Structure formats: structure tokens, C-alpha cells
Amino acid sequence: MSDRNIVVFASGSGSNAEQLIKHFEAVEDISVSAVFCNKPNAYVLERAKKLGVPSEVFDRSSFHDEQFLNRLQKFEADFIVLAGFLWKVPEYLIGAFPDKIINIHPALLPSYGGKGMYGQHVHEAVIANKEPFSGITIHLVNENYDEGRTLFQAKVAVGAEDTPDSLAQKIHQLEHQHFPVVVEDYIRGLR
């Protein structure tokens, strides 16, 4: 294990998780020590396996039990990074990792955040409201959905021809470009 270990939480396909793993493979003192997933059939588990990163699958009841911390300790977790993880993080976990849980959101918070605002729902709302821009927000996690301190934002123009799918592609490019670097910079800044 390295000096600083990240456990990535994901719920879906895992393209951001893969970007994080690949980025930190080339970083000497920070690494992704595990991927935790709340969906046993999520493709992120296959990505983690291909990249040689251990994974754990969990359900809602174990996630809300403080014994869950023991599972994180097994991987010497210093930070938790949410990469497309859709459940609200319980308060005991936020307390155990103060200012050490980082999330990425596919919009420019505080707009288009909160319960139910994720993935395609965000892109559909942005286009329906004819917003000129959308983007990503990388932020710390607190007890409220999408309200933790913002670490970084990047924006992209929304064209009249954009669909939720084409906007999603633009957002994914921003996520892959910035997320691993911002996570690394934040972790280094805490030393």
C-alpha cells in the first residue's frame, strides 16, 4: 500500500473509476487500493478486475452499519472518491473521513444538484432549460446532496443541437480530463 490510499465508490459503468486507477498507477505515493460498488452487476467491477484492483460489493444495510468502516480499513483507506456513486453517504462515514470524501457532479453546482439529479436527469434538465453552459463540479461531500465545498469547476458550451447524449459525451471528456488531477492536487495539498 502507498502513503495515501483511495477507495473509489461507484455504481455503474466505471469510466471515471478507470481513469482514476490509471492516473494513480503512475503516481508513486498515492494509489487506488480498492473499488467499492453497490450493484453486483455493475461494469465497474469488470474494469477493476482487468486493472488488478480489488473490489467489494455491498448492500444498503451494510453501508448504513458502522461496521462498514472495518471493510474500508482492510484497504487502508485514507480518502474516498465517489465516481458515479448514487447513494447518499451516511453521517458516520462523513465523520470518519472529514473533508476526505470527494465527489464529481455532472453540472455546475449549485444548479442541477440534489436528490434525483444525476446522469441523464441532469443533462435533460440542462437542455430543457436552454442553459448556455453546463460542466462538472468536483466537491467535498457533506451530509447534504451536492452541497459540500467546491474544489473545482469546468464548463462547456451547450449548443442548440446538443441532446442529452451529446452533452453527456462533452461532460465525460471534462470528467476524464480533470477529475484525477484535481483529486491528486487536493490530496497533496492536505500534507
C-alpha atoms as a PDB file:
ATOM      1  CA  MET A   1       0.000   0.000   0.000  1.00  0.00           C
ATOM      2  CA  SER A   2       1.215   3.506  -0.709  1.00  0.00           C
ATOM      3  CA  ASP A   3       1.428   6.580   1.524  1.00  0.00           C
ATOM      4  CA  ARG A   4      -2.130   7.591   0.662  1.00  0.00           C
ATOM      5  CA  ASN A   5      -4.827   5.130  -0.365  1.00  0.00           C
ATOM      6  CA  ILE A   6      -8.038   5.955  -2.194  1.00  0.00           C
ATOM      7  CA  VAL A   7     -11.097   3.741  -2.189  1.00  0.00           C
ATOM      8  CA  VAL A   8     -13.324   4.549  -5.169  1.00  0.00           C
ATOM      9  CA  PHE A   9     -17.090   4.137  -4.765  1.00  0.00           C
ATOM     10  CA  ALA A  10     -19.025   3.581  -7.995  1.00  0.00           C
ATOM     11  CA  SER A  11     -22.472   2.377  -9.058  1.00  0.00           C
ATOM     12  CA  GLY A  12     -22.267   1.997 -12.820  1.00  0.00           C
ATOM     13  CA  SER A  13     -20.042   1.550 -15.822  1.00  0.00           C
ATOM     14  CA  GLY A  14     -16.980   2.956 -14.085  1.00  0.00           C
ATOM     15  CA  SER A  15     -15.261   5.053 -16.749  1.00  0.00           C
ATOM     16  CA  ASN A  16     -14.270   7.656 -14.133  1.00  0.00           C
ATOM     17  CA  ALA A  17     -13.105   4.922 -11.761  1.00  0.00           C
ATOM     18  CA  GLU A  18     -10.921   3.538 -14.559  1.00  0.00           C
ATOM     19  CA  GLN A  19      -9.447   6.990 -15.236  1.00  0.00           C
ATOM     20  CA  LEU A  20      -8.617   7.371 -11.538  1.00  0.00           C
ATOM     21  CA  ILE A  21      -6.988   3.934 -11.325  1.00  0.00           C
ATOM     22  CA  LYS A  22      -4.883   4.526 -14.442  1.00  0.00           C
ATOM     23  CA  HIS A  23      -3.841   8.004 -13.306  1.00  0.00           C
ATOM     24  CA  PHE A  24      -2.710   6.848  -9.867  1.00  0.00           C
ATOM     25  CA  GLU A  25      -0.835   3.826 -11.271  1.00  0.00           C
ATOM     26  CA  ALA A  26       1.733   6.399 -12.423  1.00  0.00           C
ATOM     27  CA  VAL A  27       1.803   8.265  -9.089  1.00  0.00           C
ATOM     28  CA  GLU A  28       4.339   6.945  -6.615  1.00  0.00           C
ATOM     29  CA  ASP A  29       2.791   7.808  -3.251  1.00  0.00           C
ATOM     30  CA  ILE A  30      -0.973   7.736  -3.905  1.00  0.00           C
ATOM     31  CA  SER A  31      -2.926   4.746  -5.196  1.00  0.00           C
ATOM     32  CA  VAL A  32      -6.418   3.343  -5.607  1.00  0.00           C
ATOM     33  CA  SER A  33      -6.433   0.428  -3.183  1.00  0.00           C
ATOM     34  CA  ALA A  34      -9.980  -0.803  -3.897  1.00  0.00           C
ATOM     35  CA  VAL A  35     -13.253  -0.201  -5.720  1.00  0.00           C
ATOM     36  CA  PHE A  36     -16.458  -0.471  -3.687  1.00  0.00           C
ATOM     37  CA  CYS A  37     -19.716  -0.952  -5.562  1.00  0.00           C
ATOM     38  CA  ASN A  38     -23.376  -1.149  -4.520  1.00  0.00           C
ATOM     39  CA  LYS A  39     -24.504  -3.027  -7.647  1.00  0.00           C
ATOM     40  CA  PRO A  40     -23.237  -6.608  -8.096  1.00  0.00           C
ATOM     41  CA  ASN A  41     -23.642  -6.494 -11.896  1.00  0.00           C
ATOM     42  CA  ALA A  42     -22.095  -3.035 -12.489  1.00  0.00           C
ATOM     43  CA  TYR A  43     -19.442  -2.919 -15.208  1.00  0.00           C
ATOM     44  CA  VAL A  44     -17.069  -1.021 -12.900  1.00  0.00           C
ATOM     45  CA  LEU A  45     -16.335  -4.376 -11.208  1.00  0.00           C
ATOM     46  CA  GLU A  46     -15.099  -5.791 -14.525  1.00  0.00           C
ATOM     47  CA  ARG A  47     -12.937  -2.706 -15.097  1.00  0.00           C
ATOM     48  CA  ALA A  48     -11.400  -3.019 -11.622  1.00  0.00           C
ATOM     49  CA  LYS A  49     -10.666  -6.715 -12.197  1.00  0.00           C
ATOM     50  CA  LYS A  50      -8.956  -6.009 -15.551  1.00  0.00           C
ATOM     51  CA  LEU A  51      -6.818  -3.339 -13.885  1.00  0.00           C
ATOM     52  CA  GLY A  52      -5.876  -5.601 -10.975  1.00  0.00           C
ATOM     53  CA  VAL A  53      -7.663  -3.572  -8.295  1.00  0.00           C
ATOM     54  CA  PRO A  54      -9.603  -5.473  -5.604  1.00  0.00           C
ATOM     55  CA  SER A  55     -13.317  -4.775  -5.345  1.00  0.00           C
ATOM     56  CA  GLU A  56     -16.052  -5.156  -2.760  1.00  0.00           C
ATOM     57  CA  VAL A  57     -19.801  -5.283  -3.313  1.00  0.00           C
ATOM     58  CA  PHE A  58     -22.106  -4.090  -0.555  1.00  0.00           C
ATOM     59  CA  ASP A  59     -25.800  -3.555   0.099  1.00  0.00           C
ATOM     60  CA  ARG A  60     -27.694  -0.684   1.694  1.00  0.00           C
ATOM     61  CA  SER A  61     -27.955  -2.243   5.160  1.00  0.00           C
ATOM     62  CA  SER A  62     -24.206  -2.912   5.443  1.00  0.00           C
ATOM     63  CA  PHE A  63     -23.469   0.599   4.104  1.00  0.00           C
ATOM     64  CA  HIS A  64     -25.519   2.124   6.922  1.00  0.00           C
ATOM     65  CA  ASP A  65     -23.869  -0.013   9.621  1.00  0.00           C
ATOM     66  CA  GLU A  66     -20.747   1.480  11.218  1.00  0.00           C
ATOM     67  CA  GLN A  67     -19.075  -1.932  10.919  1.00  0.00           C
ATOM     68  CA  PHE A  68     -18.659  -0.928   7.254  1.00  0.00           C
ATOM     69  CA  LEU A  69     -15.606   1.078   8.397  1.00  0.00           C
ATOM     70  CA  ASN A  70     -13.816  -2.248   9.003  1.00  0.00           C
ATOM     71  CA  ARG A  71     -14.160  -3.084   5.297  1.00  0.00           C
ATOM     72  CA  LEU A  72     -12.565   0.247   4.375  1.00  0.00           C
ATOM     73  CA  GLN A  73      -9.801  -0.264   6.943  1.00  0.00           C
ATOM     74  CA  LYS A  74      -8.878  -3.539   5.246  1.00  0.00           C
ATOM     75  CA  PHE A  75      -7.731  -1.408   2.287  1.00  0.00           C
ATOM     76  CA  GLU A  76      -6.103   1.252   4.500  1.00  0.00           C
ATOM     77  CA  ALA A  77      -8.441   3.903   3.082  1.00  0.00           C
ATOM     78  CA  ASP A  78      -7.305   7.491   3.607  1.00  0.00           C
ATOM     79  CA  PHE A  79      -9.726   9.006   1.082  1.00  0.00           C
ATOM     80  CA  ILE A  80     -13.000   8.019  -0.550  1.00  0.00           C
ATOM     81  CA  VAL A  81     -13.666   9.207  -4.082  1.00  0.00           C
ATOM     82  CA  LEU A  82     -17.195   8.919  -5.440  1.00  0.00           C
ATOM     83  CA  ALA A  83     -17.140   8.229  -9.174  1.00  0.00           C
ATOM     84  CA  GLY A  84     -20.752   7.861 -10.261  1.00  0.00           C
ATOM     85  CA  PHE A  85     -21.887   6.614  -6.862  1.00  0.00           C
ATOM     86  CA  LEU A  86     -25.574   7.354  -6.373  1.00  0.00           C
ATOM     87  CA  TRP A  87     -26.334   6.733  -2.697  1.00  0.00           C
ATOM     88  CA  LYS A  88     -26.219   9.415  -0.046  1.00  0.00           C
ATOM     89  CA  VAL A  89     -23.192   8.929   2.208  1.00  0.00           C
ATOM     90  CA  PRO A  90     -24.199   8.202   5.841  1.00  0.00           C
ATOM     91  CA  GLU A  91     -23.133  10.693   8.527  1.00  0.00           C
ATOM     92  CA  TYR A  92     -20.928   8.195  10.395  1.00  0.00           C
ATOM     93  CA  LEU A  93     -18.806   7.810   7.223  1.00  0.00           C
ATOM     94  CA  ILE A  94     -18.541  11.575   6.717  1.00  0.00           C
ATOM     95  CA  GLY A  95     -17.450  11.843  10.361  1.00  0.00           C
ATOM     96  CA  ALA A  96     -14.826   9.128   9.914  1.00  0.00           C
ATOM     97  CA  PHE A  97     -13.429  10.814   6.769  1.00  0.00           C
ATOM     98  CA  PRO A  98     -13.786  14.562   7.423  1.00  0.00           C
ATOM     99  CA  ASP A  99     -13.013  16.536   4.246  1.00  0.00           C
ATOM    100  CA  LYS A 100     -11.688  13.300   2.751  1.00  0.00           C
ATOM    101  CA  ILE A 101     -14.666  12.241   0.626  1.00  0.00           C
ATOM    102  CA  ILE A 102     -14.620  13.733  -2.869  1.00  0.00           C
ATOM    103  CA  ASN A 103     -17.441  13.605  -5.410  1.00  0.00           C
ATOM    104  CA  ILE A 104     -17.839  14.623  -9.032  1.00  0.00           C
ATOM    105  CA  HIS A 105     -21.155  16.014 -10.276  1.00  0.00           C
ATOM    106  CA  PRO A 106     -22.074  16.405 -13.983  1.00  0.00           C
ATOM    107  CA  ALA A 107     -23.309  20.011 -13.699  1.00  0.00           C
ATOM    108  CA  LEU A 108     -22.239  23.405 -12.431  1.00  0.00           C
ATOM    109  CA  LEU A 109     -23.393  23.297  -8.817  1.00  0.00           C
ATOM    110  CA  PRO A 110     -25.346  24.718  -7.099  1.00  0.00           C
ATOM    111  CA  SER A 111     -27.539  24.395 -10.209  1.00  0.00           C
ATOM    112  CA  TYR A 112     -28.875  20.935 -11.083  1.00  0.00           C
ATOM    113  CA  GLY A 113     -27.820  19.291  -7.845  1.00  0.00           C
ATOM    114  CA  GLY A 114     -29.644  17.440  -5.098  1.00  0.00           C
ATOM    115  CA  LYS A 115     -31.620  14.245  -4.777  1.00  0.00           C
ATOM    116  CA  GLY A 116     -32.516  12.679  -8.121  1.00  0.00           C
ATOM    117  CA  MET A 117     -30.142  14.929 -10.075  1.00  0.00           C
ATOM    118  CA  TYR A 118     -27.623  12.557 -11.599  1.00  0.00           C
ATOM    119  CA  GLY A 119     -26.520  11.370 -15.034  1.00  0.00           C
ATOM    120  CA  GLN A 120     -29.047  11.771 -17.825  1.00  0.00           C
ATOM    121  CA  HIS A 121     -31.531  13.538 -15.499  1.00  0.00           C
ATOM    122  CA  VAL A 122     -29.066  16.420 -15.190  1.00  0.00           C
ATOM    123  CA  HIS A 123     -28.354  16.651 -18.929  1.00  0.00           C
ATOM    124  CA  GLU A 124     -32.070  16.519 -19.794  1.00  0.00           C
ATOM    125  CA  ALA A 125     -32.840  19.333 -17.331  1.00  0.00           C
ATOM    126  CA  VAL A 126     -29.957  21.495 -18.597  1.00  0.00           C
ATOM    127  CA  ILE A 127     -31.149  21.151 -22.212  1.00  0.00           C
ATOM    128  CA  ALA A 128     -34.838  21.617 -21.313  1.00  0.00           C
ATOM    129  CA  ASN A 129     -33.944  24.905 -19.609  1.00  0.00           C
ATOM    130  CA  LYS A 130     -31.861  26.025 -22.625  1.00  0.00           C
ATOM    131  CA  GLU A 131     -28.799  26.678 -20.463  1.00  0.00           C
ATOM    132  CA  PRO A 132     -25.863  28.170 -22.419  1.00  0.00           C
ATOM    133  CA  PHE A 133     -23.333  26.179 -20.344  1.00  0.00           C
ATOM    134  CA  SER A 134     -23.018  23.029 -18.325  1.00  0.00           C
ATOM    135  CA  GLY A 135     -19.970  21.371 -16.842  1.00  0.00           C
ATOM    136  CA  ILE A 136     -18.569  19.481 -13.893  1.00  0.00           C
ATOM    137  CA  THR A 137     -18.176  20.248 -10.226  1.00  0.00           C
ATOM    138  CA  ILE A 138     -15.681  18.378  -8.072  1.00  0.00           C
ATOM    139  CA  HIS A 139     -16.574  18.875  -4.420  1.00  0.00           C
ATOM    140  CA  LEU A 140     -16.206  17.553  -0.913  1.00  0.00           C
ATOM    141  CA  VAL A 141     -19.088  15.523   0.480  1.00  0.00           C
ATOM    142  CA  ASN A 142     -21.091  16.667   3.493  1.00  0.00           C
ATOM    143  CA  GLU A 143     -24.397  15.470   4.936  1.00  0.00           C
ATOM    144  CA  ASN A 144     -26.454  17.086   2.136  1.00  0.00           C
ATOM    145  CA  TYR A 145     -26.537  16.007  -1.514  1.00  0.00           C
ATOM    146  CA  ASP A 146     -24.149  18.097  -3.637  1.00  0.00           C
ATOM    147  CA  GLU A 147     -23.633  20.848  -1.046  1.00  0.00           C
ATOM    148  CA  GLY A 148     -20.041  20.230   0.101  1.00  0.00           C
ATOM    149  CA  ARG A 149     -17.261  22.735  -0.564  1.00  0.00           C
ATOM    150  CA  THR A 150     -16.441  23.103  -4.267  1.00  0.00           C
ATOM    151  CA  LEU A 151     -12.854  22.230  -5.182  1.00  0.00           C
ATOM    152  CA  PHE A 152     -13.053  22.761  -8.944  1.00  0.00           C
ATOM    153  CA  GLN A 153     -15.437  23.538 -11.788  1.00  0.00           C
ATOM    154  CA  ALA A 154     -15.024  23.368 -15.563  1.00  0.00           C
ATOM    155  CA  LYS A 155     -17.649  24.393 -18.074  1.00  0.00           C
ATOM    156  CA  VAL A 156     -18.603  23.571 -21.616  1.00  0.00           C
ATOM    157  CA  ALA A 157     -20.953  25.323 -24.030  1.00  0.00           C
ATOM    158  CA  VAL A 158     -24.339  23.742 -24.651  1.00  0.00           C
ATOM    159  CA  GLY A 159     -25.254  24.135 -28.320  1.00  0.00           C
ATOM    160  CA  ALA A 160     -28.743  24.332 -29.792  1.00  0.00           C
ATOM    161  CA  GLU A 161     -28.040  20.985 -31.499  1.00  0.00           C
ATOM    162  CA  ASP A 162     -26.999  19.219 -28.278  1.00  0.00           C
ATOM    163  CA  THR A 163     -29.003  16.265 -26.999  1.00  0.00           C
ATOM    164  CA  PRO A 164     -28.707  14.738 -23.521  1.00  0.00           C
ATOM    165  CA  ASP A 165     -26.396  12.095 -25.069  1.00  0.00           C
ATOM    166  CA  SER A 166     -24.113  14.563 -26.854  1.00  0.00           C
ATOM    167  CA  LEU A 167     -23.942  16.721 -23.724  1.00  0.00           C
ATOM    168  CA  ALA A 168     -23.092  13.627 -21.684  1.00  0.00           C
ATOM    169  CA  GLN A 169     -20.141  12.987 -24.029  1.00  0.00           C
ATOM    170  CA  LYS A 170     -18.860  16.536 -23.521  1.00  0.00           C
ATOM    171  CA  ILE A 171     -19.217  16.156 -19.753  1.00  0.00           C
ATOM    172  CA  HIS A 172     -17.382  12.798 -19.770  1.00  0.00           C
ATOM    173  CA  GLN A 173     -14.459  14.435 -21.573  1.00  0.00           C
ATOM    174  CA  LEU A 174     -14.251  17.104 -18.863  1.00  0.00           C
ATOM    175  CA  GLU A 175     -14.521  14.471 -16.129  1.00  0.00           C
ATOM    176  CA  HIS A 176     -11.735  12.321 -17.563  1.00  0.00           C
ATOM    177  CA  GLN A 177      -9.507  15.345 -18.180  1.00  0.00           C
ATOM    178  CA  HIS A 178      -9.858  16.960 -14.750  1.00  0.00           C
ATOM    179  CA  PHE A 179     -11.078  14.512 -12.074  1.00  0.00           C
ATOM    180  CA  PRO A 180      -7.868  12.527 -11.432  1.00  0.00           C
ATOM    181  CA  VAL A 181      -5.694  15.671 -11.450  1.00  0.00           C
ATOM    182  CA  VAL A 182      -7.962  17.595  -9.074  1.00  0.00           C
ATOM    183  CA  VAL A 183      -8.126  14.599  -6.699  1.00  0.00           C
ATOM    184  CA  GLU A 184      -4.326  14.322  -6.703  1.00  0.00           C
ATOM    185  CA  ASP A 185      -3.856  18.071  -6.164  1.00  0.00           C
ATOM    186  CA  TYR A 186      -6.331  18.073  -3.276  1.00  0.00           C
ATOM    187  CA  ILE A 187      -4.672  15.091  -1.562  1.00  0.00           C
ATOM    188  CA  ARG A 188      -1.222  16.653  -1.968  1.00  0.00           C
ATOM    189  CA  GLY A 189      -2.496  19.937  -0.553  1.00  0.00           C
ATOM    190  CA  LEU A 190      -3.517  18.206   2.690  1.00  0.00           C
ATOM    191  CA  ARG A 191       0.002  17.083   3.536  1.00  0.00           C
END
